[in-house]
Amino acid sequence: MSVSSKHLPAEERRMVTVETVVKLAGEQNPSEITTAAIAKRMGLTQGALFRHFTNKDAILQAVMEWVAERLLSRLEKAVHAKSSPLAALESMFLAHVDFITEHPGIPRMLFGELQRSEETAAKRMAQTLLRRYGERLNRLFEQGKTCGELDRKLDNEAAATLFIGTIQGLVMQSLIAGDVSHMRRNAPKVFAIYQQGIRSAL
């Protein structure tokens, strides 16, 4: 790390820290990432790191906030680019897969936070992300029913669970294969099967 990059403004330093953790999570088990490892990757001392974060949980909270902001923003852009609810759902699905492909450590971190028995700010942020994601899907489902693209008897909650679960399945298979590009190759074919179950028969 250059001398100039060691003297970044506080907000910029926080952002670099978050991005460093996201990169580390793509290389190793997120639960094993230590503040020492983060500081080392950034070329800092732990003391310098803690001038911007009170503890590791504060860093994880900032990471979850970063994930929520970036992912939801990308999904909104994907949705607005399409003229129909079904096309928007496909665009949202593929945009999510692309986001994970670019940041493979994020699913590991989300799963890790949601599995923690204690309540933490990072866990609450992960739960909020899933809730807001579900709400966005629900709006698209309702729009699809209204315009006749989707089955009017569609169970929105079940459809949202399957939508998110299908992406999680692609993530798991890519981790097993050790190849994140596996998700991107299979995503269009997988969504084609998903949409057959939710679209109107007319």
C-alpha atoms as a PDB file:
ATOM      1  CA  MET A   1       0.000   0.000   0.000  1.00  0.00           C
ATOM      2  CA  SER A   2       1.363   3.419  -0.933  1.00  0.00           C
ATOM      3  CA  VAL A   3       2.117   6.080   1.632  1.00  0.00           C
ATOM      4  CA  SER A   4      -0.706   8.278   0.286  1.00  0.00           C
ATOM      5  CA  SER A   5      -3.264   5.479   0.604  1.00  0.00           C
ATOM      6  CA  LYS A   6      -2.314   5.053   4.254  1.00  0.00           C
ATOM      7  CA  HIS A   7      -3.550   8.547   4.962  1.00  0.00           C
ATOM      8  CA  LEU A   8      -7.052   8.417   3.549  1.00  0.00           C
ATOM      9  CA  PRO A   9      -9.924  10.517   4.960  1.00  0.00           C
ATOM     10  CA  ALA A  10     -11.951   8.721   7.646  1.00  0.00           C
ATOM     11  CA  GLU A  11     -14.953   7.873   5.458  1.00  0.00           C
ATOM     12  CA  GLU A  12     -12.732   6.646   2.655  1.00  0.00           C
ATOM     13  CA  ARG A  13     -10.747   4.536   5.118  1.00  0.00           C
ATOM     14  CA  ARG A  14     -13.984   2.921   6.343  1.00  0.00           C
ATOM     15  CA  MET A  15     -14.977   2.114   2.759  1.00  0.00           C
ATOM     16  CA  VAL A  16     -11.594   0.573   1.970  1.00  0.00           C
ATOM     17  CA  THR A  17     -11.898  -1.527   5.134  1.00  0.00           C
ATOM     18  CA  VAL A  18     -15.309  -2.821   4.079  1.00  0.00           C
ATOM     19  CA  GLU A  19     -14.090  -3.674   0.580  1.00  0.00           C
ATOM     20  CA  THR A  20     -11.079  -5.446   2.080  1.00  0.00           C
ATOM     21  CA  VAL A  21     -13.308  -7.629   4.251  1.00  0.00           C
ATOM     22  CA  VAL A  22     -15.507  -8.488   1.242  1.00  0.00           C
ATOM     23  CA  LYS A  23     -12.413  -9.579  -0.699  1.00  0.00           C
ATOM     24  CA  LEU A  24     -11.060 -11.610   2.234  1.00  0.00           C
ATOM     25  CA  ALA A  25     -14.444 -13.351   2.601  1.00  0.00           C
ATOM     26  CA  GLY A  26     -14.068 -14.582  -0.966  1.00  0.00           C
ATOM     27  CA  GLU A  27     -10.756 -16.188  -0.069  1.00  0.00           C
ATOM     28  CA  GLN A  28     -11.456 -17.778   3.317  1.00  0.00           C
ATOM     29  CA  ASN A  29     -14.115 -18.605   5.895  1.00  0.00           C
ATOM     30  CA  PRO A  30     -15.529 -15.209   6.985  1.00  0.00           C
ATOM     31  CA  SER A  31     -15.714 -16.336  10.617  1.00  0.00           C
ATOM     32  CA  GLU A  32     -11.933 -16.778  10.572  1.00  0.00           C
ATOM     33  CA  ILE A  33     -11.204 -13.251   9.348  1.00  0.00           C
ATOM     34  CA  THR A  34      -9.450 -11.388  12.168  1.00  0.00           C
ATOM     35  CA  THR A  35      -8.888  -7.694  12.607  1.00  0.00           C
ATOM     36  CA  ALA A  36      -5.173  -8.475  12.388  1.00  0.00           C
ATOM     37  CA  ALA A  37      -5.688 -10.020   8.940  1.00  0.00           C
ATOM     38  CA  ILE A  38      -7.757  -7.040   7.806  1.00  0.00           C
ATOM     39  CA  ALA A  39      -5.137  -4.576   9.015  1.00  0.00           C
ATOM     40  CA  LYS A  40      -2.331  -6.586   7.411  1.00  0.00           C
ATOM     41  CA  ARG A  41      -4.088  -6.685   4.037  1.00  0.00           C
ATOM     42  CA  MET A  42      -4.548  -2.911   4.243  1.00  0.00           C
ATOM     43  CA  GLY A  43      -0.987  -2.278   5.331  1.00  0.00           C
ATOM     44  CA  LEU A  44      -2.099  -0.819   8.667  1.00  0.00           C
ATOM     45  CA  THR A  45      -1.710  -1.562  12.346  1.00  0.00           C
ATOM     46  CA  GLN A  46      -4.743  -2.817  14.292  1.00  0.00           C
ATOM     47  CA  GLY A  47      -4.586   0.412  16.262  1.00  0.00           C
ATOM     48  CA  ALA A  48      -5.059   2.425  13.060  1.00  0.00           C
ATOM     49  CA  LEU A  49      -7.996   0.197  12.096  1.00  0.00           C
ATOM     50  CA  PHE A  50      -9.722   0.697  15.455  1.00  0.00           C
ATOM     51  CA  ARG A  51      -9.593   4.449  15.057  1.00  0.00           C
ATOM     52  CA  HIS A  52     -12.430   3.975  12.563  1.00  0.00           C
ATOM     53  CA  PHE A  53     -14.270   0.978  14.056  1.00  0.00           C
ATOM     54  CA  THR A  54     -14.812   0.210  17.734  1.00  0.00           C
ATOM     55  CA  ASN A  55     -14.561  -3.560  17.245  1.00  0.00           C
ATOM     56  CA  LYS A  56     -14.940  -6.395  14.718  1.00  0.00           C
ATOM     57  CA  ASP A  57     -18.749  -6.405  15.026  1.00  0.00           C
ATOM     58  CA  ALA A  58     -18.784  -2.751  13.972  1.00  0.00           C
ATOM     59  CA  ILE A  59     -16.793  -3.698  10.880  1.00  0.00           C
ATOM     60  CA  LEU A  60     -19.233  -6.510  10.062  1.00  0.00           C
ATOM     61  CA  GLN A  61     -22.172  -4.152  10.490  1.00  0.00           C
ATOM     62  CA  ALA A  62     -20.577  -1.726   8.015  1.00  0.00           C
ATOM     63  CA  VAL A  63     -20.023  -4.608   5.594  1.00  0.00           C
ATOM     64  CA  MET A  64     -23.689  -5.689   5.800  1.00  0.00           C
ATOM     65  CA  GLU A  65     -24.783  -2.075   5.230  1.00  0.00           C
ATOM     66  CA  TRP A  66     -22.498  -1.910   2.177  1.00  0.00           C
ATOM     67  CA  VAL A  67     -23.920  -5.173   0.828  1.00  0.00           C
ATOM     68  CA  ALA A  68     -27.532  -4.079   1.329  1.00  0.00           C
ATOM     69  CA  GLU A  69     -26.986  -0.700  -0.319  1.00  0.00           C
ATOM     70  CA  ARG A  70     -25.060  -2.049  -3.317  1.00  0.00           C
ATOM     71  CA  LEU A  71     -27.231  -5.106  -3.941  1.00  0.00           C
ATOM     72  CA  LEU A  72     -30.611  -3.373  -3.618  1.00  0.00           C
ATOM     73  CA  SER A  73     -29.411  -0.480  -5.786  1.00  0.00           C
ATOM     74  CA  ARG A  74     -28.291  -2.869  -8.504  1.00  0.00           C
ATOM     75  CA  LEU A  75     -31.550  -4.786  -8.377  1.00  0.00           C
ATOM     76  CA  GLU A  76     -33.585  -1.585  -8.681  1.00  0.00           C
ATOM     77  CA  LYS A  77     -31.628  -0.585 -11.778  1.00  0.00           C
ATOM     78  CA  ALA A  78     -32.206  -4.034 -13.259  1.00  0.00           C
ATOM     79  CA  VAL A  79     -35.950  -3.832 -12.605  1.00  0.00           C
ATOM     80  CA  HIS A  80     -36.413  -0.317 -14.003  1.00  0.00           C
ATOM     81  CA  ALA A  81     -34.706  -1.287 -17.239  1.00  0.00           C
ATOM     82  CA  LYS A  82     -37.525  -3.700 -18.124  1.00  0.00           C
ATOM     83  CA  SER A  83     -41.032  -3.063 -19.396  1.00  0.00           C
ATOM     84  CA  SER A  84     -42.859  -6.057 -17.901  1.00  0.00           C
ATOM     85  CA  PRO A  85     -42.953  -7.680 -14.427  1.00  0.00           C
ATOM     86  CA  LEU A  86     -41.753 -11.067 -15.693  1.00  0.00           C
ATOM     87  CA  ALA A  87     -38.857  -9.507 -17.601  1.00  0.00           C
ATOM     88  CA  ALA A  88     -38.054  -7.468 -14.492  1.00  0.00           C
ATOM     89  CA  LEU A  89     -37.970 -10.626 -12.362  1.00  0.00           C
ATOM     90  CA  GLU A  90     -35.548 -12.256 -14.776  1.00  0.00           C
ATOM     91  CA  SER A  91     -33.376  -9.147 -14.868  1.00  0.00           C
ATOM     92  CA  MET A  92     -33.408  -9.016 -11.049  1.00  0.00           C
ATOM     93  CA  PHE A  93     -32.458 -12.696 -10.837  1.00  0.00           C
ATOM     94  CA  LEU A  94     -29.538 -12.327 -13.251  1.00  0.00           C
ATOM     95  CA  ALA A  95     -28.368  -9.070 -11.645  1.00  0.00           C
ATOM     96  CA  HIS A  96     -28.236 -10.786  -8.254  1.00  0.00           C
ATOM     97  CA  VAL A  97     -26.217 -13.653  -9.716  1.00  0.00           C
ATOM     98  CA  ASP A  98     -23.815 -11.196 -11.359  1.00  0.00           C
ATOM     99  CA  PHE A  99     -23.387  -9.353  -8.048  1.00  0.00           C
ATOM    100  CA  ILE A 100     -22.473 -12.593  -6.261  1.00  0.00           C
ATOM    101  CA  THR A 101     -20.124 -13.595  -9.066  1.00  0.00           C
ATOM    102  CA  GLU A 102     -18.287 -10.305  -8.586  1.00  0.00           C
ATOM    103  CA  HIS A 103     -18.291 -10.645  -4.775  1.00  0.00           C
ATOM    104  CA  PRO A 104     -18.261 -14.400  -3.974  1.00  0.00           C
ATOM    105  CA  GLY A 105     -17.551 -13.809  -0.301  1.00  0.00           C
ATOM    106  CA  ILE A 106     -20.870 -12.052   0.315  1.00  0.00           C
ATOM    107  CA  PRO A 107     -23.113 -15.166   0.500  1.00  0.00           C
ATOM    108  CA  ARG A 108     -20.689 -16.708   2.982  1.00  0.00           C
ATOM    109  CA  MET A 109     -20.910 -13.626   5.166  1.00  0.00           C
ATOM    110  CA  LEU A 110     -24.720 -13.460   4.957  1.00  0.00           C
ATOM    111  CA  PHE A 111     -25.107 -17.132   5.846  1.00  0.00           C
ATOM    112  CA  GLY A 112     -22.621 -16.705   8.671  1.00  0.00           C
ATOM    113  CA  GLU A 113     -24.428 -13.717  10.199  1.00  0.00           C
ATOM    114  CA  LEU A 114     -27.880 -15.317   9.937  1.00  0.00           C
ATOM    115  CA  GLN A 115     -26.600 -18.455  11.686  1.00  0.00           C
ATOM    116  CA  ARG A 116     -25.301 -16.577  14.718  1.00  0.00           C
ATOM    117  CA  SER A 117     -27.345 -17.365  17.821  1.00  0.00           C
ATOM    118  CA  GLU A 118     -26.892 -13.915  19.350  1.00  0.00           C
ATOM    119  CA  GLU A 119     -28.520 -10.744  18.051  1.00  0.00           C
ATOM    120  CA  THR A 120     -26.006  -8.399  16.461  1.00  0.00           C
ATOM    121  CA  ALA A 121     -26.331  -5.242  14.392  1.00  0.00           C
ATOM    122  CA  ALA A 122     -24.860  -7.099  11.412  1.00  0.00           C
ATOM    123  CA  LYS A 123     -27.387  -9.931  11.780  1.00  0.00           C
ATOM    124  CA  ARG A 124     -30.275  -7.470  11.999  1.00  0.00           C
ATOM    125  CA  MET A 125     -28.999  -5.747   8.852  1.00  0.00           C
ATOM    126  CA  ALA A 126     -28.875  -9.090   7.020  1.00  0.00           C
ATOM    127  CA  GLN A 127     -32.451  -9.817   8.130  1.00  0.00           C
ATOM    128  CA  THR A 128     -33.551  -6.355   6.981  1.00  0.00           C
ATOM    129  CA  LEU A 129     -31.935  -6.960   3.590  1.00  0.00           C
ATOM    130  CA  LEU A 130     -33.897 -10.193   3.129  1.00  0.00           C
ATOM    131  CA  ARG A 131     -37.133  -8.484   4.196  1.00  0.00           C
ATOM    132  CA  ARG A 132     -36.689  -5.601   1.765  1.00  0.00           C
ATOM    133  CA  TYR A 133     -35.739  -8.062  -0.978  1.00  0.00           C
ATOM    134  CA  GLY A 134     -38.935 -10.007  -0.346  1.00  0.00           C
ATOM    135  CA  GLU A 135     -41.009  -6.824  -0.429  1.00  0.00           C
ATOM    136  CA  ARG A 136     -39.551  -5.892  -3.823  1.00  0.00           C
ATOM    137  CA  LEU A 137     -40.384  -9.326  -5.177  1.00  0.00           C
ATOM    138  CA  ASN A 138     -43.907  -9.107  -3.795  1.00  0.00           C
ATOM    139  CA  ARG A 139     -44.535  -5.842  -5.670  1.00  0.00           C
ATOM    140  CA  LEU A 140     -43.418  -7.442  -8.922  1.00  0.00           C
ATOM    141  CA  PHE A 141     -45.595 -10.494  -8.307  1.00  0.00           C
ATOM    142  CA  GLU A 142     -48.630  -8.279  -7.762  1.00  0.00           C
ATOM    143  CA  GLN A 143     -47.885  -6.272 -10.894  1.00  0.00           C
ATOM    144  CA  GLY A 144     -47.511  -9.501 -12.838  1.00  0.00           C
ATOM    145  CA  LYS A 145     -50.883 -10.754 -11.639  1.00  0.00           C
ATOM    146  CA  THR A 146     -52.548  -7.460 -12.506  1.00  0.00           C
ATOM    147  CA  CYS A 147     -51.260  -7.436 -16.080  1.00  0.00           C
ATOM    148  CA  GLY A 148     -51.969 -11.130 -16.582  1.00  0.00           C
ATOM    149  CA  GLU A 149     -48.347 -12.308 -16.913  1.00  0.00           C
ATOM    150  CA  LEU A 150     -48.396 -14.278 -13.661  1.00  0.00           C
ATOM    151  CA  ASP A 151     -50.879 -16.798 -12.307  1.00  0.00           C
ATOM    152  CA  ARG A 152     -53.471 -14.933 -10.210  1.00  0.00           C
ATOM    153  CA  LYS A 153     -53.429 -17.800  -7.702  1.00  0.00           C
ATOM    154  CA  LEU A 154     -49.672 -17.505  -7.228  1.00  0.00           C
ATOM    155  CA  ASP A 155     -48.601 -17.695  -3.577  1.00  0.00           C
ATOM    156  CA  ASN A 156     -46.318 -14.654  -3.324  1.00  0.00           C
ATOM    157  CA  GLU A 157     -44.521 -15.799  -0.201  1.00  0.00           C
ATOM    158  CA  ALA A 158     -43.765 -19.233  -1.647  1.00  0.00           C
ATOM    159  CA  ALA A 159     -42.683 -17.701  -4.963  1.00  0.00           C
ATOM    160  CA  ALA A 160     -40.303 -15.316  -3.153  1.00  0.00           C
ATOM    161  CA  THR A 161     -38.879 -18.161  -1.082  1.00  0.00           C
ATOM    162  CA  LEU A 162     -38.244 -20.194  -4.231  1.00  0.00           C
ATOM    163  CA  PHE A 163     -36.730 -17.194  -6.055  1.00  0.00           C
ATOM    164  CA  ILE A 164     -34.209 -16.537  -3.288  1.00  0.00           C
ATOM    165  CA  GLY A 165     -33.693 -20.240  -2.598  1.00  0.00           C
ATOM    166  CA  THR A 166     -32.912 -20.896  -6.255  1.00  0.00           C
ATOM    167  CA  ILE A 167     -30.147 -18.298  -6.167  1.00  0.00           C
ATOM    168  CA  GLN A 168     -28.850 -19.813  -2.920  1.00  0.00           C
ATOM    169  CA  GLY A 169     -28.812 -23.205  -4.635  1.00  0.00           C
ATOM    170  CA  LEU A 170     -26.712 -21.811  -7.466  1.00  0.00           C
ATOM    171  CA  VAL A 171     -24.348 -20.327  -4.886  1.00  0.00           C
ATOM    172  CA  MET A 172     -23.947 -23.672  -3.101  1.00  0.00           C
ATOM    173  CA  GLN A 173     -23.286 -25.507  -6.353  1.00  0.00           C
ATOM    174  CA  SER A 174     -20.683 -22.956  -7.383  1.00  0.00           C
ATOM    175  CA  LEU A 175     -18.943 -23.328  -4.012  1.00  0.00           C
ATOM    176  CA  ILE A 176     -18.906 -27.101  -4.409  1.00  0.00           C
ATOM    177  CA  ALA A 177     -17.582 -26.771  -7.962  1.00  0.00           C
ATOM    178  CA  GLY A 178     -15.049 -24.153  -6.866  1.00  0.00           C
ATOM    179  CA  ASP A 179     -16.082 -22.016  -9.816  1.00  0.00           C
ATOM    180  CA  VAL A 180     -18.263 -18.912  -9.370  1.00  0.00           C
ATOM    181  CA  SER A 181     -18.745 -18.624 -13.140  1.00  0.00           C
ATOM    182  CA  HIS A 182     -20.833 -21.801 -12.779  1.00  0.00           C
ATOM    183  CA  MET A 183     -23.666 -19.584 -11.476  1.00  0.00           C
ATOM    184  CA  ARG A 184     -23.620 -17.178 -14.385  1.00  0.00           C
ATOM    185  CA  ARG A 185     -23.665 -19.991 -16.963  1.00  0.00           C
ATOM    186  CA  ASN A 186     -26.610 -21.780 -15.375  1.00  0.00           C
ATOM    187  CA  ALA A 187     -28.680 -18.826 -14.161  1.00  0.00           C
ATOM    188  CA  PRO A 188     -30.660 -18.177 -17.399  1.00  0.00           C
ATOM    189  CA  LYS A 189     -31.594 -21.853 -17.759  1.00  0.00           C
ATOM    190  CA  VAL A 190     -32.583 -22.118 -14.108  1.00  0.00           C
ATOM    191  CA  PHE A 191     -34.739 -19.001 -14.269  1.00  0.00           C
ATOM    192  CA  ALA A 192     -36.483 -20.347 -17.378  1.00  0.00           C
ATOM    193  CA  ILE A 193     -37.649 -23.312 -15.290  1.00  0.00           C
ATOM    194  CA  TYR A 194     -38.667 -21.037 -12.388  1.00  0.00           C
ATOM    195  CA  GLN A 195     -40.802 -18.802 -14.571  1.00  0.00           C
ATOM    196  CA  GLN A 196     -42.721 -21.766 -15.929  1.00  0.00           C
ATOM    197  CA  GLY A 197     -44.070 -22.315 -12.430  1.00  0.00           C
ATOM    198  CA  ILE A 198     -45.267 -18.752 -11.838  1.00  0.00           C
ATOM    199  CA  ARG A 199     -46.463 -17.457 -15.197  1.00  0.00           C
ATOM    200  CA  SER A 200     -50.063 -17.402 -16.305  1.00  0.00           C
ATOM    201  CA  ALA A 201     -51.252 -20.343 -18.376  1.00  0.00           C
ATOM    202  CA  LEU A 202     -53.031 -17.947 -20.759  1.00  0.00           C
END
